[in-house]
PDB file of N, CA and C in Angstrom:
ATOM      1  N   UNK A   1      10.003  11.236  -4.342  1.00  0.00           N
ATOM      2  CA  UNK A   1       9.396  10.977  -2.895  1.00  0.00           C
ATOM      3  C   UNK A   1       9.536   9.239  -2.915  1.00  0.00           C
ATOM      4  N   UNK A   2      10.194   8.680  -3.350  1.00  0.00           N
ATOM      5  CA  UNK A   2      10.404   6.674  -3.227  1.00  0.00           C
ATOM      6  C   UNK A   2      11.085   7.012  -2.074  1.00  0.00           C
ATOM      7  N   UNK A   3      10.072   5.596  -0.732  1.00  0.00           N
ATOM      8  CA  UNK A   3      10.508   5.245   0.382  1.00  0.00           C
ATOM      9  C   UNK A   3      11.491   4.103   0.093  1.00  0.00           C
ATOM     10  N   UNK A   4      12.641   3.921   0.505  1.00  0.00           N
ATOM     11  CA  UNK A   4      13.149   2.928   0.227  1.00  0.00           C
ATOM     12  C   UNK A   4      12.826   1.680   1.548  1.00  0.00           C
ATOM     13  N   UNK A   5      13.056   0.319   1.616  1.00  0.00           N
ATOM     14  CA  UNK A   5      12.457  -0.235   2.643  1.00  0.00           C
ATOM     15  C   UNK A   5      13.550  -0.235   3.759  1.00  0.00           C
ATOM     16  N   UNK A   6      14.230   0.488   3.932  1.00  0.00           N
ATOM     17  CA  UNK A   6      14.970   0.864   5.636  1.00  0.00           C
ATOM     18  C   UNK A   6      14.330   1.974   5.984  1.00  0.00           C
ATOM     19  N   UNK A   7      13.630   2.588   5.315  1.00  0.00           N
ATOM     20  CA  UNK A   7      12.969   3.301   5.846  1.00  0.00           C
ATOM     21  C   UNK A   7      12.032   3.261   6.627  1.00  0.00           C
ATOM     22  N   UNK A   8      11.320   2.434   6.313  1.00  0.00           N
ATOM     23  CA  UNK A   8       9.766   1.632   7.116  1.00  0.00           C
ATOM     24  C   UNK A   8      10.516   0.916   8.033  1.00  0.00           C
ATOM     25  N   UNK A   9       9.753   0.957   9.652  1.00  0.00           N
ATOM     26  CA  UNK A   9       9.667  -0.393  10.607  1.00  0.00           C
ATOM     27  C   UNK A   9       9.183  -0.804  10.284  1.00  0.00           C
ATOM     28  N   UNK A  10       9.050  -2.370  11.579  1.00  0.00           N
ATOM     29  CA  UNK A  10       8.816  -2.978  11.231  1.00  0.00           C
ATOM     30  C   UNK A  10       7.698  -3.128  11.397  1.00  0.00           C
ATOM     31  N   UNK A  11       7.407  -1.876  12.599  1.00  0.00           N
ATOM     32  CA  UNK A  11       5.283  -2.248  12.902  1.00  0.00           C
ATOM     33  C   UNK A  11       5.234  -1.591  11.399  1.00  0.00           C
ATOM     34  N   UNK A  12       5.824  -0.413  10.462  1.00  0.00           N
ATOM     35  CA  UNK A  12       4.993   0.046   9.802  1.00  0.00           C
ATOM     36  C   UNK A  12       5.198  -0.772   8.575  1.00  0.00           C
ATOM     37  N   UNK A  13       5.571  -1.591   8.459  1.00  0.00           N
ATOM     38  CA  UNK A  13       5.523  -3.136   7.273  1.00  0.00           C
ATOM     39  C   UNK A  13       4.803  -3.737   7.645  1.00  0.00           C
ATOM     40  N   UNK A  14       4.771  -3.911   8.816  1.00  0.00           N
ATOM     41  CA  UNK A  14       2.802  -5.196   8.992  1.00  0.00           C
ATOM     42  C   UNK A  14       1.785  -4.521   8.876  1.00  0.00           C
ATOM     43  N   UNK A  15       1.563  -3.574   9.424  1.00  0.00           N
ATOM     44  CA  UNK A  15       0.740  -2.272   8.606  1.00  0.00           C
ATOM     45  C   UNK A  15       0.131  -2.328   7.441  1.00  0.00           C
ATOM     46  N   UNK A  16       1.492  -2.074   6.575  1.00  0.00           N
ATOM     47  CA  UNK A  16       1.632  -1.919   5.311  1.00  0.00           C
ATOM     48  C   UNK A  16       1.012  -3.187   4.420  1.00  0.00           C
ATOM     49  N   UNK A  17       1.490  -4.315   5.415  1.00  0.00           N
ATOM     50  CA  UNK A  17       1.322  -5.912   4.665  1.00  0.00           C
ATOM     51  C   UNK A  17       0.026  -6.107   4.586  1.00  0.00           C
ATOM     52  N   UNK A  18      -0.833  -6.097   6.217  1.00  0.00           N
ATOM     53  CA  UNK A  18      -2.004  -5.971   6.430  1.00  0.00           C
ATOM     54  C   UNK A  18      -3.118  -5.037   5.340  1.00  0.00           C
ATOM     55  N   UNK A  19      -2.716  -3.619   5.490  1.00  0.00           N
ATOM     56  CA  UNK A  19      -3.468  -2.924   4.690  1.00  0.00           C
ATOM     57  C   UNK A  19      -3.551  -3.505   3.112  1.00  0.00           C
ATOM     58  N   UNK A  20      -2.518  -3.763   2.327  1.00  0.00           N
ATOM     59  CA  UNK A  20      -2.425  -3.820   1.006  1.00  0.00           C
ATOM     60  C   UNK A  20      -3.105  -5.034   0.901  1.00  0.00           C
ATOM     61  N   UNK A  21      -2.923  -6.282   1.496  1.00  0.00           N
ATOM     62  CA  UNK A  21      -3.501  -7.753   1.653  1.00  0.00           C
ATOM     63  C   UNK A  21      -4.842  -7.684   1.433  1.00  0.00           C
ATOM     64  N   UNK A  22      -5.196  -6.724   2.607  1.00  0.00           N
ATOM     65  CA  UNK A  22      -6.941  -6.397   2.959  1.00  0.00           C
ATOM     66  C   UNK A  22      -7.378  -6.356   1.543  1.00  0.00           C
ATOM     67  N   UNK A  23      -6.753  -4.955   0.869  1.00  0.00           N
ATOM     68  CA  UNK A  23      -7.268  -4.618  -0.323  1.00  0.00           C
ATOM     69  C   UNK A  23      -7.571  -5.119  -1.587  1.00  0.00           C
ATOM     70  N   UNK A  24      -5.954  -6.073  -1.655  1.00  0.00           N
ATOM     71  CA  UNK A  24      -6.430  -6.682  -2.623  1.00  0.00           C
ATOM     72  C   UNK A  24      -7.201  -8.168  -2.908  1.00  0.00           C
ATOM     73  N   UNK A  25      -7.580  -8.225  -1.202  1.00  0.00           N
ATOM     74  CA  UNK A  25      -8.777  -9.140  -1.426  1.00  0.00           C
ATOM     75  C   UNK A  25      -9.715  -8.821  -1.725  1.00  0.00           C
ATOM     76  N   UNK A  26     -10.699  -7.604  -1.753  1.00  0.00           N
ATOM     77  CA  UNK A  26     -11.461  -6.901  -1.649  1.00  0.00           C
ATOM     78  C   UNK A  26     -11.600  -6.411  -2.996  1.00  0.00           C
ATOM     79  N   UNK A  27     -10.745  -6.452  -3.734  1.00  0.00           N
ATOM     80  CA  UNK A  27     -10.692  -5.919  -5.144  1.00  0.00           C
ATOM     81  C   UNK A  27     -11.225  -7.774  -6.069  1.00  0.00           C
ATOM     82  N   UNK A  28     -10.315  -8.470  -5.043  1.00  0.00           N
ATOM     83  CA  UNK A  28     -10.658  -9.752  -6.087  1.00  0.00           C
ATOM     84  C   UNK A  28     -11.916 -10.092  -5.692  1.00  0.00           C
ATOM     85  N   UNK A  29     -12.453 -10.286  -4.747  1.00  0.00           N
ATOM     86  CA  UNK A  29     -13.630 -10.669  -4.346  1.00  0.00           C
ATOM     87  C   UNK A  29     -15.226 -10.266  -5.094  1.00  0.00           C
ATOM     88  N   UNK A  30     -14.533  -8.689  -5.371  1.00  0.00           N
ATOM     89  CA  UNK A  30     -16.087  -7.811  -6.145  1.00  0.00           C
ATOM     90  C   UNK A  30     -15.768  -8.351  -7.451  1.00  0.00           C
ATOM     91  N   UNK A  31     -14.490  -8.409  -7.734  1.00  0.00           N
ATOM     92  CA  UNK A  31     -14.086  -9.236  -9.451  1.00  0.00           C
ATOM     93  C   UNK A  31     -14.567 -10.236  -9.662  1.00  0.00           C
ATOM     94  N   UNK A  32     -14.318 -11.363  -8.872  1.00  0.00           N
ATOM     95  CA  UNK A  32     -15.110 -12.771  -9.253  1.00  0.00           C
ATOM     96  C   UNK A  32     -16.762 -12.565  -8.859  1.00  0.00           C
ATOM     97  N   UNK A  33     -17.156 -11.786  -8.074  1.00  0.00           N
ATOM     98  CA  UNK A  33     -18.761 -11.434  -7.663  1.00  0.00           C
ATOM     99  C   UNK A  33     -19.278 -11.071  -9.563  1.00  0.00           C
ATOM    100  N   UNK A  34     -18.549 -10.209 -10.163  1.00  0.00           N
ATOM    101  CA  UNK A  34     -18.881  -9.291 -10.891  1.00  0.00           C
ATOM    102  C   UNK A  34     -18.737 -10.577 -11.881  1.00  0.00           C
ATOM    103  N   UNK A  35     -17.735 -11.428 -12.143  1.00  0.00           N
ATOM    104  CA  UNK A  35     -17.798 -12.610 -12.699  1.00  0.00           C
ATOM    105  C   UNK A  35     -18.384 -13.330 -12.891  1.00  0.00           C
ATOM    106  N   UNK A  36     -18.922 -13.982 -11.712  1.00  0.00           N
ATOM    107  CA  UNK A  36     -19.962 -14.661 -11.866  1.00  0.00           C
ATOM    108  C   UNK A  36     -21.422 -14.292 -12.495  1.00  0.00           C
ATOM    109  N   UNK A  37     -21.495 -13.137 -12.273  1.00  0.00           N
ATOM    110  CA  UNK A  37     -23.215 -12.724 -12.605  1.00  0.00           C
ATOM    111  C   UNK A  37     -22.640 -12.714 -14.090  1.00  0.00           C
ATOM    112  N   UNK A  38     -21.988 -12.420 -14.938  1.00  0.00           N
ATOM    113  CA  UNK A  38     -21.330 -12.336 -16.087  1.00  0.00           C
ATOM    114  C   UNK A  38     -21.338 -13.782 -16.835  1.00  0.00           C
ATOM    115  N   UNK A  39     -21.007 -14.352 -15.971  1.00  0.00           N
ATOM    116  CA  UNK A  39     -20.899 -15.686 -16.255  1.00  0.00           C
ATOM    117  C   UNK A  39     -22.564 -17.120 -16.523  1.00  0.00           C
ATOM    118  N   UNK A  40     -23.614 -16.181 -15.822  1.00  0.00           N
ATOM    119  CA  UNK A  40     -24.699 -16.291 -15.739  1.00  0.00           C
ATOM    120  C   UNK A  40     -25.419 -15.625 -16.381  1.00  0.00           C
ATOM    121  N   UNK A  41     -25.153 -14.317 -17.283  1.00  0.00           N
ATOM    122  CA  UNK A  41     -25.928 -13.773 -18.844  1.00  0.00           C
ATOM    123  C   UNK A  41     -25.538 -13.911 -19.481  1.00  0.00           C
ATOM    124  N   UNK A  42     -24.578 -15.217 -19.997  1.00  0.00           N
ATOM    125  CA  UNK A  42     -23.873 -15.767 -21.261  1.00  0.00           C
ATOM    126  C   UNK A  42     -25.048 -16.433 -21.915  1.00  0.00           C
ATOM    127  N   UNK A  43     -24.962 -15.479 -22.989  1.00  0.00           N
ATOM    128  CA  UNK A  43     -25.831 -16.639 -24.095  1.00  0.00           C
ATOM    129  C   UNK A  43     -25.808 -16.660 -25.227  1.00  0.00           C
ATOM    130  N   UNK A  44     -24.533 -15.931 -25.720  1.00  0.00           N
ATOM    131  CA  UNK A  44     -23.807 -16.679 -27.552  1.00  0.00           C
ATOM    132  C   UNK A  44     -21.897 -16.778 -27.402  1.00  0.00           C
ATOM    133  N   UNK A  45     -21.583 -17.263 -27.953  1.00  0.00           N
ATOM    134  CA  UNK A  45     -20.031 -17.417 -28.104  1.00  0.00           C
ATOM    135  C   UNK A  45     -19.670 -15.783 -27.563  1.00  0.00           C
ATOM    136  N   UNK A  46     -19.683 -15.252 -28.367  1.00  0.00           N
ATOM    137  CA  UNK A  46     -19.293 -13.355 -28.580  1.00  0.00           C
ATOM    138  C   UNK A  46     -19.224 -13.327 -27.212  1.00  0.00           C
ATOM    139  N   UNK A  47     -20.405 -13.591 -26.072  1.00  0.00           N
ATOM    140  CA  UNK A  47     -20.304 -12.971 -24.959  1.00  0.00           C
ATOM    141  C   UNK A  47     -19.108 -13.537 -24.220  1.00  0.00           C
ATOM    142  N   UNK A  48     -19.236 -14.612 -24.443  1.00  0.00           N
ATOM    143  CA  UNK A  48     -17.522 -15.509 -23.796  1.00  0.00           C
ATOM    144  C   UNK A  48     -16.230 -14.547 -23.922  1.00  0.00           C
ATOM    145  N   UNK A  49     -16.231 -14.654 -25.865  1.00  0.00           N
ATOM    146  CA  UNK A  49     -14.935 -13.747 -25.665  1.00  0.00           C
ATOM    147  C   UNK A  49     -14.908 -12.299 -25.335  1.00  0.00           C
ATOM    148  N   UNK A  50     -15.634 -11.803 -24.849  1.00  0.00           N
ATOM    149  CA  UNK A  50     -16.184 -10.519 -24.746  1.00  0.00           C
ATOM    150  C   UNK A  50     -15.711 -10.659 -23.075  1.00  0.00           C
ATOM    151  N   UNK A  51     -15.987 -11.468 -21.969  1.00  0.00           N
ATOM    152  CA  UNK A  51     -15.233 -12.284 -21.082  1.00  0.00           C
ATOM    153  C   UNK A  51     -13.982 -11.929 -20.614  1.00  0.00           C
ATOM    154  N   UNK A  52     -13.883 -12.882 -21.871  1.00  0.00           N
ATOM    155  CA  UNK A  52     -12.339 -13.095 -21.722  1.00  0.00           C
ATOM    156  C   UNK A  52     -11.388 -12.158 -22.004  1.00  0.00           C
ATOM    157  N   UNK A  53     -11.810 -11.328 -22.775  1.00  0.00           N
ATOM    158  CA  UNK A  53     -11.128  -9.851 -22.674  1.00  0.00           C
ATOM    159  C   UNK A  53     -11.213  -9.040 -21.722  1.00  0.00           C
ATOM    160  N   UNK A  54     -12.358  -8.904 -21.093  1.00  0.00           N
ATOM    161  CA  UNK A  54     -12.097  -7.836 -20.208  1.00  0.00           C
ATOM    162  C   UNK A  54     -11.765  -8.659 -18.874  1.00  0.00           C
ATOM    163  N   UNK A  55     -11.469 -10.344 -18.566  1.00  0.00           N
ATOM    164  CA  UNK A  55     -10.512 -10.770 -17.848  1.00  0.00           C
ATOM    165  C   UNK A  55      -9.214 -11.028 -18.052  1.00  0.00           C
ATOM    166  N   UNK A  56      -9.156 -10.423 -19.327  1.00  0.00           N
ATOM    167  CA  UNK A  56      -7.566 -10.392 -19.554  1.00  0.00           C
ATOM    168  C   UNK A  56      -6.975  -8.712 -19.046  1.00  0.00           C
ATOM    169  N   UNK A  57      -7.992  -8.034 -19.384  1.00  0.00           N
ATOM    170  CA  UNK A  57      -7.694  -6.895 -19.103  1.00  0.00           C
ATOM    171  C   UNK A  57      -7.296  -6.385 -17.457  1.00  0.00           C
ATOM    172  N   UNK A  58      -8.349  -6.774 -16.751  1.00  0.00           N
ATOM    173  CA  UNK A  58      -8.454  -6.441 -15.411  1.00  0.00           C
ATOM    174  C   UNK A  58      -6.733  -7.246 -14.786  1.00  0.00           C
ATOM    175  N   UNK A  59      -6.582  -8.581 -15.852  1.00  0.00           N
ATOM    176  CA  UNK A  59      -6.017  -9.150 -14.535  1.00  0.00           C
ATOM    177  C   UNK A  59      -4.589  -8.139 -15.145  1.00  0.00           C
ATOM    178  N   UNK A  60      -4.277  -7.885 -16.126  1.00  0.00           N
ATOM    179  CA  UNK A  60      -3.179  -6.617 -16.334  1.00  0.00           C
ATOM    180  C   UNK A  60      -3.393  -5.828 -15.470  1.00  0.00           C
ATOM    181  N   UNK A  61      -4.673  -4.596 -15.298  1.00  0.00           N
ATOM    182  CA  UNK A  61      -4.959  -3.647 -14.415  1.00  0.00           C
ATOM    183  C   UNK A  61      -4.269  -4.318 -12.606  1.00  0.00           C
ATOM    184  N   UNK A  62      -4.884  -5.282 -12.817  1.00  0.00           N
ATOM    185  CA  UNK A  62      -4.922  -5.656 -11.248  1.00  0.00           C
ATOM    186  C   UNK A  62      -2.911  -6.451 -11.036  1.00  0.00           C
ATOM    187  N   UNK A  63      -2.475  -6.702 -12.174  1.00  0.00           N
ATOM    188  CA  UNK A  63      -1.123  -6.910 -11.549  1.00  0.00           C
ATOM    189  C   UNK A  63      -0.168  -6.203 -10.981  1.00  0.00           C
ATOM    190  N   UNK A  64      -0.509  -5.038 -12.136  1.00  0.00           N
ATOM    191  CA  UNK A  64       0.202  -3.836 -12.406  1.00  0.00           C
ATOM    192  C   UNK A  64       0.114  -2.618 -11.442  1.00  0.00           C
ATOM    193  N   UNK A  65      -0.769  -3.132 -10.648  1.00  0.00           N
ATOM    194  CA  UNK A  65      -1.597  -2.100  -9.749  1.00  0.00           C
ATOM    195  C   UNK A  65      -0.892  -2.445  -8.173  1.00  0.00           C
ATOM    196  N   UNK A  66      -0.908  -3.852  -8.235  1.00  0.00           N
ATOM    197  CA  UNK A  66      -1.031  -4.527  -6.117  1.00  0.00           C
ATOM    198  C   UNK A  66       1.007  -4.860  -6.636  1.00  0.00           C
ATOM    199  N   UNK A  67       1.925  -3.342  -6.306  1.00  0.00           N
ATOM    200  CA  UNK A  67       3.011  -3.396  -6.368  1.00  0.00           C
ATOM    201  C   UNK A  67       3.672  -3.365  -5.199  1.00  0.00           C
ATOM    202  N   UNK A  68       3.881  -4.932  -4.578  1.00  0.00           N
ATOM    203  CA  UNK A  68       4.523  -4.310  -3.718  1.00  0.00           C
ATOM    204  C   UNK A  68       5.887  -4.112  -2.819  1.00  0.00           C
ATOM    205  N   UNK A  69       6.705  -3.102  -3.310  1.00  0.00           N
ATOM    206  CA  UNK A  69       7.647  -2.558  -3.334  1.00  0.00           C
ATOM    207  C   UNK A  69       8.084  -1.255  -2.353  1.00  0.00           C
ATOM    208  N   UNK A  70       8.469  -1.496  -1.577  1.00  0.00           N
ATOM    209  CA  UNK A  70       8.396  -0.098  -0.856  1.00  0.00           C
ATOM    210  C   UNK A  70       8.575   1.097  -1.211  1.00  0.00           C
ATOM    211  N   UNK A  71       9.567   0.956  -2.490  1.00  0.00           N
ATOM    212  CA  UNK A  71       9.704   2.191  -3.144  1.00  0.00           C
ATOM    213  C   UNK A  71       8.316   3.110  -3.572  1.00  0.00           C
ATOM    214  N   UNK A  72       7.543   2.542  -4.100  1.00  0.00           N
ATOM    215  CA  UNK A  72       6.232   2.414  -4.979  1.00  0.00           C
ATOM    216  C   UNK A  72       4.956   2.404  -4.350  1.00  0.00           C
ATOM    217  N   UNK A  73       5.218   2.155  -2.508  1.00  0.00           N
ATOM    218  CA  UNK A  73       3.865   1.574  -1.727  1.00  0.00           C
ATOM    219  C   UNK A  73       3.277   2.490  -1.722  1.00  0.00           C
ATOM    220  N   UNK A  74       3.320   3.803  -1.251  1.00  0.00           N
ATOM    221  CA  UNK A  74       3.189   5.136  -1.272  1.00  0.00           C
ATOM    222  C   UNK A  74       1.247   5.376  -1.972  1.00  0.00           C
ATOM    223  N   UNK A  75       2.986   5.415  -3.690  1.00  0.00           N
ATOM    224  CA  UNK A  75       1.998   5.727  -4.535  1.00  0.00           C
ATOM    225  C   UNK A  75       0.841   4.084  -4.932  1.00  0.00           C
ATOM    226  N   UNK A  76       1.077   3.311  -4.184  1.00  0.00           N
ATOM    227  CA  UNK A  76       0.113   2.276  -4.392  1.00  0.00           C
ATOM    228  C   UNK A  76      -1.576   2.351  -3.507  1.00  0.00           C
ATOM    229  N   UNK A  77      -0.813   2.738  -2.668  1.00  0.00           N
ATOM    230  CA  UNK A  77      -1.908   2.680  -1.321  1.00  0.00           C
ATOM    231  C   UNK A  77      -2.601   4.006  -1.425  1.00  0.00           C
ATOM    232  N   UNK A  78      -1.844   5.441  -2.269  1.00  0.00           N
ATOM    233  CA  UNK A  78      -2.602   6.782  -3.023  1.00  0.00           C
ATOM    234  C   UNK A  78      -4.220   6.163  -3.873  1.00  0.00           C
ATOM    235  N   UNK A  79      -3.359   4.722  -4.714  1.00  0.00           N
ATOM    236  CA  UNK A  79      -3.977   4.685  -6.291  1.00  0.00           C
ATOM    237  C   UNK A  79      -5.456   3.680  -5.239  1.00  0.00           C
ATOM    238  N   UNK A  80      -4.998   3.203  -4.130  1.00  0.00           N
ATOM    239  CA  UNK A  80      -6.265   2.122  -3.873  1.00  0.00           C
ATOM    240  C   UNK A  80      -7.180   2.883  -3.162  1.00  0.00           C
ATOM    241  N   UNK A  81      -6.585   4.337  -2.534  1.00  0.00           N
ATOM    242  CA  UNK A  81      -7.346   4.710  -1.340  1.00  0.00           C
ATOM    243  C   UNK A  81      -8.565   5.824  -2.220  1.00  0.00           C
ATOM    244  N   UNK A  82      -7.981   6.493  -3.065  1.00  0.00           N
ATOM    245  CA  UNK A  82      -8.819   6.455  -4.222  1.00  0.00           C
ATOM    246  C   UNK A  82      -9.976   5.935  -5.234  1.00  0.00           C
ATOM    247  N   UNK A  83      -9.320   4.820  -5.321  1.00  0.00           N
ATOM    248  CA  UNK A  83     -10.385   3.476  -6.479  1.00  0.00           C
ATOM    249  C   UNK A  83     -11.911   3.207  -5.056  1.00  0.00           C
ATOM    250  N   UNK A  84     -11.028   3.123  -3.629  1.00  0.00           N
ATOM    251  CA  UNK A  84     -12.357   2.573  -2.825  1.00  0.00           C
ATOM    252  C   UNK A  84     -11.931   1.272  -2.252  1.00  0.00           C
ATOM    253  N   UNK A  85     -10.884   1.203  -2.637  1.00  0.00           N
ATOM    254  CA  UNK A  85     -10.229  -0.790  -2.163  1.00  0.00           C
ATOM    255  C   UNK A  85      -9.810  -0.617  -1.126  1.00  0.00           C
ATOM    256  N   UNK A  86      -9.094   0.480  -0.642  1.00  0.00           N
ATOM    257  CA  UNK A  86      -8.120   0.749   0.948  1.00  0.00           C
ATOM    258  C   UNK A  86      -8.653   2.089   1.547  1.00  0.00           C
ATOM    259  N   UNK A  87      -9.323   2.221   2.937  1.00  0.00           N
ATOM    260  CA  UNK A  87      -9.338   3.652   3.691  1.00  0.00           C
ATOM    261  C   UNK A  87      -8.452   3.400   4.391  1.00  0.00           C
ATOM    262  N   UNK A  88      -7.832   5.187   4.254  1.00  0.00           N
ATOM    263  CA  UNK A  88      -7.182   5.933   5.522  1.00  0.00           C
ATOM    264  C   UNK A  88      -6.666   4.967   6.625  1.00  0.00           C
ATOM    265  N   UNK A  89      -8.028   5.147   7.759  1.00  0.00           N
ATOM    266  CA  UNK A  89      -7.264   4.528   8.524  1.00  0.00           C
ATOM    267  C   UNK A  89      -6.909   3.154   8.787  1.00  0.00           C
ATOM    268  N   UNK A  90      -7.248   2.804   7.714  1.00  0.00           N
ATOM    269  CA  UNK A  90      -6.370   0.987   7.538  1.00  0.00           C
ATOM    270  C   UNK A  90      -4.732   1.495   7.544  1.00  0.00           C
ATOM    271  N   UNK A  91      -4.350   2.318   7.197  1.00  0.00           N
ATOM    272  CA  UNK A  91      -3.259   2.268   7.488  1.00  0.00           C
ATOM    273  C   UNK A  91      -2.578   2.880   8.146  1.00  0.00           C
ATOM    274  N   UNK A  92      -3.296   3.576   9.702  1.00  0.00           N
ATOM    275  CA  UNK A  92      -2.656   4.261  10.648  1.00  0.00           C
ATOM    276  C   UNK A  92      -2.388   3.614  11.250  1.00  0.00           C
ATOM    277  N   UNK A  93      -1.120   4.287  11.968  1.00  0.00           N
ATOM    278  CA  UNK A  93       0.377   3.401  12.331  1.00  0.00           C
ATOM    279  C   UNK A  93       1.484   3.826  11.704  1.00  0.00           C
ATOM    280  N   UNK A  94       0.906   4.220  10.367  1.00  0.00           N
ATOM    281  CA  UNK A  94       2.442   4.423   9.610  1.00  0.00           C
ATOM    282  C   UNK A  94       2.786   5.772   9.579  1.00  0.00           C
ATOM    283  N   UNK A  95       3.831   6.378   9.396  1.00  0.00           N
ATOM    284  CA  UNK A  95       4.583   7.100   9.766  1.00  0.00           C
ATOM    285  C   UNK A  95       3.514   8.664   9.674  1.00  0.00           C
ATOM    286  N   UNK A  96       3.413   9.446  10.154  1.00  0.00           N
ATOM    287  CA  UNK A  96       2.707  10.905   9.303  1.00  0.00           C
ATOM    288  C   UNK A  96       2.858  11.570   8.351  1.00  0.00           C
ATOM    289  N   UNK A  97       4.231  11.196   7.557  1.00  0.00           N
ATOM    290  CA  UNK A  97       4.863  12.088   6.357  1.00  0.00           C
ATOM    291  C   UNK A  97       4.145  11.000   5.235  1.00  0.00           C
ATOM    292  N   UNK A  98       4.184   9.758   5.840  1.00  0.00           N
ATOM    293  CA  UNK A  98       3.875   8.512   4.790  1.00  0.00           C
ATOM    294  C   UNK A  98       2.126   8.833   4.354  1.00  0.00           C
ATOM    295  N   UNK A  99       1.162   8.762   5.927  1.00  0.00           N
ATOM    296  CA  UNK A  99      -0.298   9.279   5.648  1.00  0.00           C
ATOM    297  C   UNK A  99      -0.611  10.355   5.242  1.00  0.00           C
ATOM    298  N   UNK A 100       0.236  11.273   5.672  1.00  0.00           N
ATOM    299  CA  UNK A 100       0.106  12.939   4.495  1.00  0.00           C
ATOM    300  C   UNK A 100       0.401  12.398   3.180  1.00  0.00           C
ATOM    301  N   UNK A 101       0.928  11.995   2.638  1.00  0.00           N
ATOM    302  CA  UNK A 101       1.912  11.344   1.744  1.00  0.00           C
ATOM    303  C   UNK A 101       0.595  10.813   0.662  1.00  0.00           C
ATOM    304  N   UNK A 102       0.176   9.733   1.110  1.00  0.00           N
ATOM    305  CA  UNK A 102      -0.974   9.006   0.966  1.00  0.00           C
ATOM    306  C   UNK A 102      -2.492   9.959   0.457  1.00  0.00           C
ATOM    307  N   UNK A 103      -2.862  10.405   1.639  1.00  0.00           N
ATOM    308  CA  UNK A 103      -3.887  11.167   1.337  1.00  0.00           C
ATOM    309  C   UNK A 103      -3.796  12.383   0.908  1.00  0.00           C
ATOM    310  N   UNK A 104      -2.579  13.083   0.508  1.00  0.00           N
ATOM    311  CA  UNK A 104      -2.581  14.029  -0.887  1.00  0.00           C
ATOM    312  C   UNK A 104      -2.716  13.305  -2.117  1.00  0.00           C
ATOM    313  N   UNK A 105      -1.574  12.140  -2.079  1.00  0.00           N
ATOM    314  CA  UNK A 105      -2.032  11.587  -4.040  1.00  0.00           C
ATOM    315  C   UNK A 105      -3.113  11.451  -3.700  1.00  0.00           C
ATOM    316  N   UNK A 106      -4.007  10.383  -3.335  1.00  0.00           N
ATOM    317  CA  UNK A 106      -5.001   9.897  -3.323  1.00  0.00           C
ATOM    318  C   UNK A 106      -6.408  11.072  -3.562  1.00  0.00           C
ATOM    319  N   UNK A 107      -5.996  12.306  -3.146  1.00  0.00           N
ATOM    320  CA  UNK A 107      -6.937  13.498  -3.478  1.00  0.00           C
ATOM    321  C   UNK A 107      -6.420  14.040  -5.150  1.00  0.00           C
ATOM    322  N   UNK A 108      -5.344  13.625  -5.591  1.00  0.00           N
ATOM    323  CA  UNK A 108      -5.256  14.135  -6.708  1.00  0.00           C
ATOM    324  C   UNK A 108      -5.680  13.821  -8.114  1.00  0.00           C
TER     325      UNK A 108
END
């Protein structure tokens, strides 16, 4: 089900980039808010190390998740929809085949 860059129209590329960036922004804003709350509750050194470990894990997860390669993008979008960072309607304008693949993968 890989979709090469050649199979994306310029309009689809613009829609995909906008949706991708919006989902990333939402997730990063939520992470920043969570970290700000965690920082306020730090009491001892062990709390700081736990926060460090949490941030390291989240960094690895986020860097792995946000892969803007056209061959992987439908899978990325499906995961973002499933996780609530992206909404299917934000992908409107993509080809019906792409939208249906994202929707089907998100339900898995």
